[in-house]
PDB file of N, CA and C in Angstrom:
ATOM      1  N   UNK A   1       0.841  -1.181   0.000  1.00  0.00           N
ATOM      2  CA  UNK A   1       0.000   0.000   0.000  1.00  0.00           C
ATOM      3  C   UNK A   1       0.884   1.240   0.000  1.00  0.00           C
ATOM      4  N   UNK A   2       0.475   2.215  -0.782  1.00  0.00           N
ATOM      5  CA  UNK A   2       1.244   3.447  -0.894  1.00  0.00           C
ATOM      6  C   UNK A   2       1.171   4.245   0.400  1.00  0.00           C
ATOM      7  N   UNK A   3       2.239   4.969   0.678  1.00  0.00           N
ATOM      8  CA  UNK A   3       2.266   5.852   1.838  1.00  0.00           C
ATOM      9  C   UNK A   3       1.615   7.169   1.439  1.00  0.00           C
ATOM     10  N   UNK A   4       0.648   7.596   2.208  1.00  0.00           N
ATOM     11  CA  UNK A   4      -0.056   8.838   1.910  1.00  0.00           C
ATOM     12  C   UNK A   4       0.718  10.001   2.510  1.00  0.00           C
ATOM     13  N   UNK A   5       1.236  10.857   1.647  1.00  0.00           N
ATOM     14  CA  UNK A   5       2.089  11.956   2.085  1.00  0.00           C
ATOM     15  C   UNK A   5       1.414  13.315   1.994  1.00  0.00           C
ATOM     16  N   UNK A   6       0.305  13.387   1.306  1.00  0.00           N
ATOM     17  CA  UNK A   6      -0.326  14.682   1.059  1.00  0.00           C
ATOM     18  C   UNK A   6      -1.738  14.706   1.631  1.00  0.00           C
ATOM     19  N   UNK A   7      -2.026  15.756   2.351  1.00  0.00           N
ATOM     20  CA  UNK A   7      -3.385  15.977   2.855  1.00  0.00           C
ATOM     21  C   UNK A   7      -3.924  17.215   2.158  1.00  0.00           C
ATOM     22  N   UNK A   8      -5.206  17.167   1.882  1.00  0.00           N
ATOM     23  CA  UNK A   8      -5.838  18.307   1.239  1.00  0.00           C
ATOM     24  C   UNK A   8      -7.287  18.374   1.692  1.00  0.00           C
ATOM     25  N   UNK A   9      -7.928  19.464   1.387  1.00  0.00           N
ATOM     26  CA  UNK A   9      -9.350  19.572   1.699  1.00  0.00           C
ATOM     27  C   UNK A   9     -10.069  20.128   0.477  1.00  0.00           C
ATOM     28  N   UNK A  10     -11.333  19.750   0.356  1.00  0.00           N
ATOM     29  CA  UNK A  10     -12.151  20.192  -0.758  1.00  0.00           C
ATOM     30  C   UNK A  10     -13.476  20.702  -0.226  1.00  0.00           C
ATOM     31  N   UNK A  11     -14.042  21.640  -0.916  1.00  0.00           N
ATOM     32  CA  UNK A  11     -15.409  22.067  -0.637  1.00  0.00           C
ATOM     33  C   UNK A  11     -16.292  21.371  -1.664  1.00  0.00           C
ATOM     34  N   UNK A  12     -17.136  20.444  -1.194  1.00  0.00           N
ATOM     35  CA  UNK A  12     -17.994  19.673  -2.083  1.00  0.00           C
ATOM     36  C   UNK A  12     -19.454  19.885  -1.709  1.00  0.00           C
ATOM     37  N   UNK A  13     -20.317  19.762  -2.702  1.00  0.00           N
ATOM     38  CA  UNK A  13     -21.749  19.903  -2.439  1.00  0.00           C
ATOM     39  C   UNK A  13     -22.262  18.653  -1.715  1.00  0.00           C
ATOM     40  N   UNK A  14     -23.453  18.765  -1.150  1.00  0.00           N
ATOM     41  CA  UNK A  14     -24.032  17.684  -0.351  1.00  0.00           C
ATOM     42  C   UNK A  14     -24.211  16.384  -1.143  1.00  0.00           C
ATOM     43  N   UNK A  15     -24.629  16.512  -2.385  1.00  0.00           N
ATOM     44  CA  UNK A  15     -24.864  15.319  -3.200  1.00  0.00           C
ATOM     45  C   UNK A  15     -23.559  14.559  -3.429  1.00  0.00           C
ATOM     46  N   UNK A  16     -22.488  15.269  -3.737  1.00  0.00           N
ATOM     47  CA  UNK A  16     -21.197  14.623  -3.965  1.00  0.00           C
ATOM     48  C   UNK A  16     -20.699  13.947  -2.696  1.00  0.00           C
ATOM     49  N   UNK A  17     -20.829  14.615  -1.569  1.00  0.00           N
ATOM     50  CA  UNK A  17     -20.415  14.022  -0.290  1.00  0.00           C
ATOM     51  C   UNK A  17     -21.197  12.736  -0.036  1.00  0.00           C
ATOM     52  N   UNK A  18     -22.502  12.767  -0.272  1.00  0.00           N
ATOM     53  CA  UNK A  18     -23.318  11.574  -0.046  1.00  0.00           C
ATOM     54  C   UNK A  18     -22.918  10.452  -0.990  1.00  0.00           C
ATOM     55  N   UNK A  19     -22.607  10.783  -2.219  1.00  0.00           N
ATOM     56  CA  UNK A  19     -22.157   9.766  -3.179  1.00  0.00           C
ATOM     57  C   UNK A  19     -20.848   9.129  -2.716  1.00  0.00           C
ATOM     58  N   UNK A  20     -19.931   9.948  -2.247  1.00  0.00           N
ATOM     59  CA  UNK A  20     -18.652   9.418  -1.753  1.00  0.00           C
ATOM     60  C   UNK A  20     -18.896   8.502  -0.557  1.00  0.00           C
ATOM     61  N   UNK A  21     -19.749   8.921   0.356  1.00  0.00           N
ATOM     62  CA  UNK A  21     -20.063   8.092   1.531  1.00  0.00           C
ATOM     63  C   UNK A  21     -20.717   6.783   1.123  1.00  0.00           C
ATOM     64  N   UNK A  22     -21.660   6.855   0.187  1.00  0.00           N
ATOM     65  CA  UNK A  22     -22.334   5.642  -0.283  1.00  0.00           C
ATOM     66  C   UNK A  22     -21.353   4.669  -0.934  1.00  0.00           C
ATOM     67  N   UNK A  23     -20.464   5.201  -1.760  1.00  0.00           N
ATOM     68  CA  UNK A  23     -19.464   4.344  -2.403  1.00  0.00           C
ATOM     69  C   UNK A  23     -18.520   3.742  -1.376  1.00  0.00           C
ATOM     70  N   UNK A  24     -18.116   4.535  -0.396  1.00  0.00           N
ATOM     71  CA  UNK A  24     -17.226   4.029   0.659  1.00  0.00           C
ATOM     72  C   UNK A  24     -17.881   2.861   1.402  1.00  0.00           C
ATOM     73  N   UNK A  25     -19.156   3.000   1.705  1.00  0.00           N
ATOM     74  CA  UNK A  25     -19.876   1.909   2.374  1.00  0.00           C
ATOM     75  C   UNK A  25     -19.988   0.683   1.474  1.00  0.00           C
ATOM     76  N   UNK A  26     -20.350   0.905   0.231  1.00  0.00           N
ATOM     77  CA  UNK A  26     -20.532  -0.207  -0.703  1.00  0.00           C
ATOM     78  C   UNK A  26     -19.227  -0.947  -0.977  1.00  0.00           C
ATOM     79  N   UNK A  27     -18.139  -0.195  -1.115  1.00  0.00           N
ATOM     80  CA  UNK A  27     -16.842  -0.789  -1.421  1.00  0.00           C
ATOM     81  C   UNK A  27     -16.077  -1.200  -0.171  1.00  0.00           C
ATOM     82  N   UNK A  28     -16.594  -0.790   0.999  1.00  0.00           N
ATOM     83  CA  UNK A  28     -15.930  -1.071   2.282  1.00  0.00           C
ATOM     84  C   UNK A  28     -14.501  -0.520   2.312  1.00  0.00           C
ATOM     85  N   UNK A  29     -14.404   0.739   1.896  1.00  0.00           N
ATOM     86  CA  UNK A  29     -13.117   1.452   1.899  1.00  0.00           C
ATOM     87  C   UNK A  29     -13.343   2.843   2.482  1.00  0.00           C
ATOM     88  N   UNK A  30     -12.263   3.570   2.676  1.00  0.00           N
ATOM     89  CA  UNK A  30     -12.371   4.944   3.180  1.00  0.00           C
ATOM     90  C   UNK A  30     -12.861   5.882   2.083  1.00  0.00           C
ATOM     91  N   UNK A  31     -13.317   7.047   2.504  1.00  0.00           N
ATOM     92  CA  UNK A  31     -13.730   8.050   1.537  1.00  0.00           C
ATOM     93  C   UNK A  31     -12.539   8.505   0.688  1.00  0.00           C
ATOM     94  N   UNK A  32     -11.379   8.566   1.293  1.00  0.00           N
ATOM     95  CA  UNK A  32     -10.177   8.936   0.546  1.00  0.00           C
ATOM     96  C   UNK A  32      -9.889   7.913  -0.550  1.00  0.00           C
ATOM     97  N   UNK A  33     -10.108   6.630  -0.236  1.00  0.00           N
ATOM     98  CA  UNK A  33      -9.895   5.578  -1.244  1.00  0.00           C
ATOM     99  C   UNK A  33     -10.900   5.715  -2.386  1.00  0.00           C
ATOM    100  N   UNK A  34     -12.121   6.099  -2.078  1.00  0.00           N
ATOM    101  CA  UNK A  34     -13.123   6.341  -3.122  1.00  0.00           C
ATOM    102  C   UNK A  34     -12.614   7.420  -4.071  1.00  0.00           C
ATOM    103  N   UNK A  35     -12.105   8.511  -3.513  1.00  0.00           N
ATOM    104  CA  UNK A  35     -11.599   9.605  -4.337  1.00  0.00           C
ATOM    105  C   UNK A  35     -10.404   9.127  -5.165  1.00  0.00           C
ATOM    106  N   UNK A  36      -9.480   8.382  -4.553  1.00  0.00           N
ATOM    107  CA  UNK A  36      -8.319   7.874  -5.299  1.00  0.00           C
ATOM    108  C   UNK A  36      -8.771   7.005  -6.468  1.00  0.00           C
ATOM    109  N   UNK A  37      -9.727   6.113  -6.223  1.00  0.00           N
ATOM    110  CA  UNK A  37     -10.214   5.228  -7.289  1.00  0.00           C
ATOM    111  C   UNK A  37     -10.911   6.024  -8.399  1.00  0.00           C
ATOM    112  N   UNK A  38     -11.700   7.005  -8.012  1.00  0.00           N
ATOM    113  CA  UNK A  38     -12.398   7.824  -9.003  1.00  0.00           C
ATOM    114  C   UNK A  38     -11.408   8.582  -9.884  1.00  0.00           C
ATOM    115  N   UNK A  39     -10.378   9.140  -9.263  1.00  0.00           N
ATOM    116  CA  UNK A  39      -9.355   9.866 -10.027  1.00  0.00           C
ATOM    117  C   UNK A  39      -8.612   8.912 -10.947  1.00  0.00           C
ATOM    118  N   UNK A  40      -8.289   7.722 -10.450  1.00  0.00           N
ATOM    119  CA  UNK A  40      -7.593   6.724 -11.270  1.00  0.00           C
ATOM    120  C   UNK A  40      -8.441   6.335 -12.480  1.00  0.00           C
ATOM    121  N   UNK A  41      -9.734   6.106 -12.255  1.00  0.00           N
ATOM    122  CA  UNK A  41     -10.626   5.735 -13.361  1.00  0.00           C
ATOM    123  C   UNK A  41     -10.781   6.866 -14.370  1.00  0.00           C
ATOM    124  N   UNK A  42     -10.900   8.083 -13.900  1.00  0.00           N
ATOM    125  CA  UNK A  42     -11.030   9.229 -14.802  1.00  0.00           C
ATOM    126  C   UNK A  42      -9.765   9.407 -15.629  1.00  0.00           C
ATOM    127  N   UNK A  43      -8.611   9.240 -14.999  1.00  0.00           N
ATOM    128  CA  UNK A  43      -7.339   9.358 -15.710  1.00  0.00           C
ATOM    129  C   UNK A  43      -7.204   8.262 -16.762  1.00  0.00           C
ATOM    130  N   UNK A  44      -7.605   7.033 -16.419  1.00  0.00           N
ATOM    131  CA  UNK A  44      -7.538   5.927 -17.375  1.00  0.00           C
ATOM    132  C   UNK A  44      -8.464   6.176 -18.557  1.00  0.00           C
ATOM    133  N   UNK A  45      -9.656   6.717 -18.288  1.00  0.00           N
ATOM    134  CA  UNK A  45     -10.599   7.019 -19.364  1.00  0.00           C
ATOM    135  C   UNK A  45     -10.032   8.087 -20.294  1.00  0.00           C
ATOM    136  N   UNK A  46      -9.390   9.096 -19.724  1.00  0.00           N
ATOM    137  CA  UNK A  46      -8.784  10.151 -20.533  1.00  0.00           C
ATOM    138  C   UNK A  46      -7.672   9.581 -21.414  1.00  0.00           C
ATOM    139  N   UNK A  47      -6.869   8.705 -20.852  1.00  0.00           N
ATOM    140  CA  UNK A  47      -5.782   8.065 -21.609  1.00  0.00           C
ATOM    141  C   UNK A  47      -6.357   7.219 -22.742  1.00  0.00           C
ATOM    142  N   UNK A  48      -7.403   6.436 -22.435  1.00  0.00           N
ATOM    143  CA  UNK A  48      -8.037   5.605 -23.476  1.00  0.00           C
ATOM    144  C   UNK A  48      -8.581   6.475 -24.600  1.00  0.00           C
ATOM    145  N   UNK A  49      -9.212   7.577 -24.238  1.00  0.00           N
ATOM    146  CA  UNK A  49      -9.775   8.478 -25.250  1.00  0.00           C
ATOM    147  C   UNK A  49      -8.673   9.016 -26.165  1.00  0.00           C
ATOM    148  N   UNK A  50      -7.565   9.440 -25.582  1.00  0.00           N
ATOM    149  CA  UNK A  50      -6.449   9.964 -26.381  1.00  0.00           C
ATOM    150  C   UNK A  50      -5.881   8.873 -27.282  1.00  0.00           C
ATOM    151  N   UNK A  51      -5.767   7.664 -26.747  1.00  0.00           N
ATOM    152  CA  UNK A  51      -5.239   6.549 -27.544  1.00  0.00           C
ATOM    153  C   UNK A  51      -6.187   6.196 -28.694  1.00  0.00           C
ATOM    154  N   UNK A  52      -7.509   6.254 -28.433  1.00  0.00           N
ATOM    155  CA  UNK A  52      -8.488   5.984 -29.488  1.00  0.00           C
ATOM    156  C   UNK A  52      -8.418   7.036 -30.585  1.00  0.00           C
ATOM    157  N   UNK A  53      -8.271   8.296 -30.199  1.00  0.00           N
ATOM    158  CA  UNK A  53      -8.156   9.362 -31.193  1.00  0.00           C
ATOM    159  C   UNK A  53      -6.911   9.158 -32.050  1.00  0.00           C
ATOM    160  N   UNK A  54      -5.810   8.824 -31.415  1.00  0.00           N
ATOM    161  CA  UNK A  54      -4.570   8.591 -32.157  1.00  0.00           C
ATOM    162  C   UNK A  54      -4.720   7.404 -33.099  1.00  0.00           C
ATOM    163  N   UNK A  55      -5.358   6.337 -32.642  1.00  0.00           N
ATOM    164  CA  UNK A  55      -5.565   5.162 -33.492  1.00  0.00           C
ATOM    165  C   UNK A  55      -6.416   5.506 -34.712  1.00  0.00           C
ATOM    166  N   UNK A  56      -7.470   6.332 -34.508  1.00  0.00           N
ATOM    167  CA  UNK A  56      -8.295   6.750 -35.648  1.00  0.00           C
ATOM    168  C   UNK A  56      -7.487   7.571 -36.644  1.00  0.00           C
ATOM    169  N   UNK A  57      -6.657   8.474 -36.135  1.00  0.00           N
ATOM    170  CA  UNK A  57      -5.821   9.288 -37.020  1.00  0.00           C
ATOM    171  C   UNK A  57      -4.831   8.414 -37.781  1.00  0.00           C
ATOM    172  N   UNK A  58      -4.222   7.456 -37.092  1.00  0.00           N
ATOM    173  CA  UNK A  58      -3.275   6.553 -37.752  1.00  0.00           C
ATOM    174  C   UNK A  58      -3.973   5.702 -38.807  1.00  0.00           C
ATOM    175  N   UNK A  59      -5.202   5.244 -38.514  1.00  0.00           N
ATOM    176  CA  UNK A  59      -5.959   4.454 -39.493  1.00  0.00           C
ATOM    177  C   UNK A  59      -6.274   5.302 -40.720  1.00  0.00           C
ATOM    178  N   UNK A  60      -6.623   6.563 -40.490  1.00  0.00           N
ATOM    179  CA  UNK A  60      -6.902   7.465 -41.611  1.00  0.00           C
ATOM    180  C   UNK A  60      -5.662   7.620 -42.484  1.00  0.00           C
ATOM    181  N   UNK A  61      -4.524   7.828 -41.841  1.00  0.00           N
ATOM    182  CA  UNK A  61      -3.283   7.975 -42.609  1.00  0.00           C
ATOM    183  C   UNK A  61      -2.903   6.675 -43.304  1.00  0.00           C
ATOM    184  N   UNK A  62      -3.187   5.547 -42.681  1.00  0.00           N
ATOM    185  CA  UNK A  62      -2.874   4.254 -43.293  1.00  0.00           C
ATOM    186  C   UNK A  62      -3.703   4.043 -44.568  1.00  0.00           C
ATOM    187  N   UNK A  63      -4.914   4.608 -44.590  1.00  0.00           N
ATOM    188  CA  UNK A  63      -5.759   4.517 -45.791  1.00  0.00           C
ATOM    189  C   UNK A  63      -5.333   5.547 -46.836  1.00  0.00           C
ATOM    190  N   UNK A  64      -4.312   6.292 -46.532  1.00  0.00           N
ATOM    191  CA  UNK A  64      -3.726   7.308 -47.410  1.00  0.00           C
ATOM    192  C   UNK A  64      -4.544   8.579 -47.467  1.00  0.00           C
ATOM    193  N   UNK A  65      -5.582   8.686 -46.667  1.00  0.00           N
ATOM    194  CA  UNK A  65      -6.338   9.936 -46.612  1.00  0.00           C
ATOM    195  C   UNK A  65      -6.744  10.390 -47.997  1.00  0.00           C
ATOM    196  N   UNK A  66      -6.572  11.644 -48.295  1.00  0.00           N
ATOM    197  CA  UNK A  66      -6.828  12.170 -49.632  1.00  0.00           C
ATOM    198  C   UNK A  66      -5.548  12.075 -50.452  1.00  0.00           C
ATOM    199  N   UNK A  67      -5.693  11.678 -51.717  1.00  0.00           N
ATOM    200  CA  UNK A  67      -4.500  11.738 -52.563  1.00  0.00           C
ATOM    201  C   UNK A  67      -4.257  13.196 -52.942  1.00  0.00           C
ATOM    202  N   UNK A  68      -3.099  13.477 -53.445  1.00  0.00           N
ATOM    203  CA  UNK A  68      -2.708  14.859 -53.715  1.00  0.00           C
ATOM    204  C   UNK A  68      -3.651  15.537 -54.700  1.00  0.00           C
ATOM    205  N   UNK A  69      -4.084  14.815 -55.742  1.00  0.00           N
ATOM    206  CA  UNK A  69      -4.966  15.411 -56.751  1.00  0.00           C
ATOM    207  C   UNK A  69      -6.327  15.760 -56.147  1.00  0.00           C
ATOM    208  N   UNK A  70      -6.878  14.879 -55.328  1.00  0.00           N
ATOM    209  CA  UNK A  70      -8.177  15.138 -54.693  1.00  0.00           C
ATOM    210  C   UNK A  70      -8.065  16.309 -53.729  1.00  0.00           C
ATOM    211  N   UNK A  71      -6.976  16.369 -52.987  1.00  0.00           N
ATOM    212  CA  UNK A  71      -6.777  17.473 -52.049  1.00  0.00           C
ATOM    213  C   UNK A  71      -6.664  18.799 -52.796  1.00  0.00           C
ATOM    214  N   UNK A  72      -5.927  18.812 -53.884  1.00  0.00           N
ATOM    215  CA  UNK A  72      -5.762  20.037 -54.673  1.00  0.00           C
ATOM    216  C   UNK A  72      -7.088  20.480 -55.274  1.00  0.00           C
ATOM    217  N   UNK A  73      -7.885  19.527 -55.751  1.00  0.00           N
ATOM    218  CA  UNK A  73      -9.196  19.860 -56.310  1.00  0.00           C
ATOM    219  C   UNK A  73     -10.093  20.463 -55.229  1.00  0.00           C
ATOM    220  N   UNK A  74     -10.067  19.889 -54.050  1.00  0.00           N
ATOM    221  CA  UNK A  74     -10.895  20.403 -52.956  1.00  0.00           C
ATOM    222  C   UNK A  74     -10.459  21.808 -52.567  1.00  0.00           C
ATOM    223  N   UNK A  75      -9.150  22.027 -52.467  1.00  0.00           N
ATOM    224  CA  UNK A  75      -8.643  23.349 -52.125  1.00  0.00           C
ATOM    225  C   UNK A  75      -9.021  24.388 -53.181  1.00  0.00           C
ATOM    226  N   UNK A  76      -8.980  24.001 -54.448  1.00  0.00           N
ATOM    227  CA  UNK A  76      -9.376  24.913 -55.524  1.00  0.00           C
ATOM    228  C   UNK A  76     -10.849  25.272 -55.421  1.00  0.00           C
ATOM    229  N   UNK A  77     -11.681  24.267 -55.121  1.00  0.00           N
ATOM    230  CA  UNK A  77     -13.122  24.503 -54.971  1.00  0.00           C
ATOM    231  C   UNK A  77     -13.405  25.466 -53.815  1.00  0.00           C
ATOM    232  N   UNK A  78     -12.718  25.266 -52.707  1.00  0.00           N
ATOM    233  CA  UNK A  78     -12.897  26.146 -51.548  1.00  0.00           C
ATOM    234  C   UNK A  78     -12.453  27.563 -51.891  1.00  0.00           C
ATOM    235  N   UNK A  79     -11.322  27.696 -52.580  1.00  0.00           N
ATOM    236  CA  UNK A  79     -10.823  29.017 -52.954  1.00  0.00           C
ATOM    237  C   UNK A  79     -11.813  29.738 -53.862  1.00  0.00           C
ATOM    238  N   UNK A  80     -12.408  29.006 -54.814  1.00  0.00           N
ATOM    239  CA  UNK A  80     -13.398  29.610 -55.709  1.00  0.00           C
ATOM    240  C   UNK A  80     -14.629  30.074 -54.931  1.00  0.00           C
ATOM    241  N   UNK A  81     -15.093  29.245 -53.998  1.00  0.00           N
ATOM    242  CA  UNK A  81     -16.253  29.613 -53.204  1.00  0.00           C
ATOM    243  C   UNK A  81     -15.969  30.848 -52.352  1.00  0.00           C
ATOM    244  N   UNK A  82     -14.800  30.904 -51.771  1.00  0.00           N
ATOM    245  CA  UNK A  82     -14.450  32.055 -50.936  1.00  0.00           C
ATOM    246  C   UNK A  82     -14.338  33.317 -51.769  1.00  0.00           C
ATOM    247  N   UNK A  83     -13.814  33.198 -52.972  1.00  0.00           N
ATOM    248  CA  UNK A  83     -13.663  34.360 -53.848  1.00  0.00           C
ATOM    249  C   UNK A  83     -15.019  34.934 -54.238  1.00  0.00           C
ATOM    250  N   UNK A  84     -16.043  34.085 -54.292  1.00  0.00           N
ATOM    251  CA  UNK A  84     -17.367  34.566 -54.701  1.00  0.00           C
ATOM    252  C   UNK A  84     -18.204  35.094 -53.541  1.00  0.00           C
ATOM    253  N   UNK A  85     -17.749  34.986 -52.312  1.00  0.00           N
ATOM    254  CA  UNK A  85     -18.524  35.415 -51.146  1.00  0.00           C
ATOM    255  C   UNK A  85     -18.960  36.888 -51.261  1.00  0.00           C
ATOM    256  N   UNK A  86     -18.076  37.749 -51.588  1.00  0.00           N
ATOM    257  CA  UNK A  86     -18.379  39.171 -51.630  1.00  0.00           C
ATOM    258  C   UNK A  86     -19.175  39.577 -52.861  1.00  0.00           C
ATOM    259  N   UNK A  87     -19.104  38.795 -53.932  1.00  0.00           N
ATOM    260  CA  UNK A  87     -19.752  39.155 -55.188  1.00  0.00           C
ATOM    261  C   UNK A  87     -21.248  38.861 -55.194  1.00  0.00           C
ATOM    262  N   UNK A  88     -21.694  37.889 -54.401  1.00  0.00           N
ATOM    263  CA  UNK A  88     -23.108  37.481 -54.422  1.00  0.00           C
ATOM    264  C   UNK A  88     -24.003  38.417 -53.631  1.00  0.00           C
ATOM    265  N   UNK A  89     -23.458  39.268 -52.820  1.00  0.00           N
ATOM    266  CA  UNK A  89     -24.274  40.128 -51.931  1.00  0.00           C
ATOM    267  C   UNK A  89     -24.858  41.301 -52.639  1.00  0.00           C
TER     268      UNK A  89
END
């Protein structure tokens, strides 16, 4: 078990305090342990989300994304549309 070296205090609303107490009773752990577990789970979820985003980006690049000709055509189309913005009014 890790040595707890840091003490802190938080101002929490009544509902959050009750949730922490309920979880502590259900898990048979201290309220501090509930907070540690919640932070650990939130951090893991954030890491998973970042890893999923990176995997999607890598998959997109693996499919070669847009080829150069398609990208150039799209950029030309956007440039033409932007050039006409002021003329249509």
